[in-house]
């Protein structure tokens, strides 16, 4: 039962993702930016 609900959830999310393609692209860019900033800060702290 739990697994079936999970599959339905995944299918539902896939449909929403295809509808919100632009939002997903923007989110990915923001996410990549934050990863980049985060790693930059971590590297700076490690050098000290």
Protein backbone atom coordinates (compact mmCIF):
# COMPACT_ATOMS: atom_id res chain seq x y z
CA UNK A 1 0.00 0.00 0.00
CA UNK A 2 2.76 2.40 0.98
CA UNK A 3 4.69 1.58 -2.21
CA UNK A 4 1.61 2.20 -4.38
CA UNK A 5 1.12 5.60 -2.78
CA UNK A 6 4.76 6.37 -3.45
CA UNK A 7 4.37 5.53 -7.16
CA UNK A 8 1.28 7.76 -7.39
CA UNK A 9 3.20 10.55 -5.67
CA UNK A 10 6.12 10.17 -8.11
CA UNK A 11 3.81 10.25 -11.15
CA UNK A 12 2.01 13.30 -9.76
CA UNK A 13 5.31 15.08 -9.21
CA UNK A 14 6.51 14.22 -12.73
CA UNK A 15 3.40 15.87 -14.17
CA UNK A 16 3.92 18.94 -12.01
CA UNK A 17 7.59 19.09 -13.00
CA UNK A 18 6.76 19.06 -16.70
CA UNK A 19 4.26 21.88 -16.11
CA UNK A 20 6.71 23.92 -14.06
CA UNK A 21 9.77 23.39 -16.28
CA UNK A 22 10.82 27.05 -16.05
CA UNK A 23 10.51 27.05 -12.25
CA UNK A 24 12.61 23.88 -12.10
CA UNK A 25 15.34 25.46 -14.24
CA UNK A 26 15.38 28.54 -12.01
CA UNK A 27 15.46 26.36 -8.89
CA UNK A 28 18.38 24.34 -10.27
CA UNK A 29 20.32 27.51 -11.02
CA UNK A 30 19.69 28.83 -7.49
CA UNK A 31 20.63 25.44 -6.01
CA UNK A 32 23.87 25.27 -8.05
CA UNK A 33 24.65 28.84 -7.00
CA UNK A 34 24.21 27.99 -3.31
CA UNK A 35 26.32 24.83 -3.65
CA UNK A 36 29.02 26.95 -5.32
CA UNK A 37 28.88 29.58 -2.56
CA UNK A 38 28.80 26.89 0.13
CA UNK A 39 31.85 25.07 -1.23
CA UNK A 40 33.68 28.39 -1.64
CA UNK A 41 33.06 29.26 2.01
CA UNK A 42 34.09 25.75 3.11
CA UNK A 43 37.34 25.97 1.14
CA UNK A 44 38.13 29.39 2.63
CA UNK A 45 37.53 28.10 6.16
CA UNK A 46 39.68 25.02 5.50
CA UNK A 47 42.62 27.16 4.33
CA UNK A 48 42.78 29.02 7.65
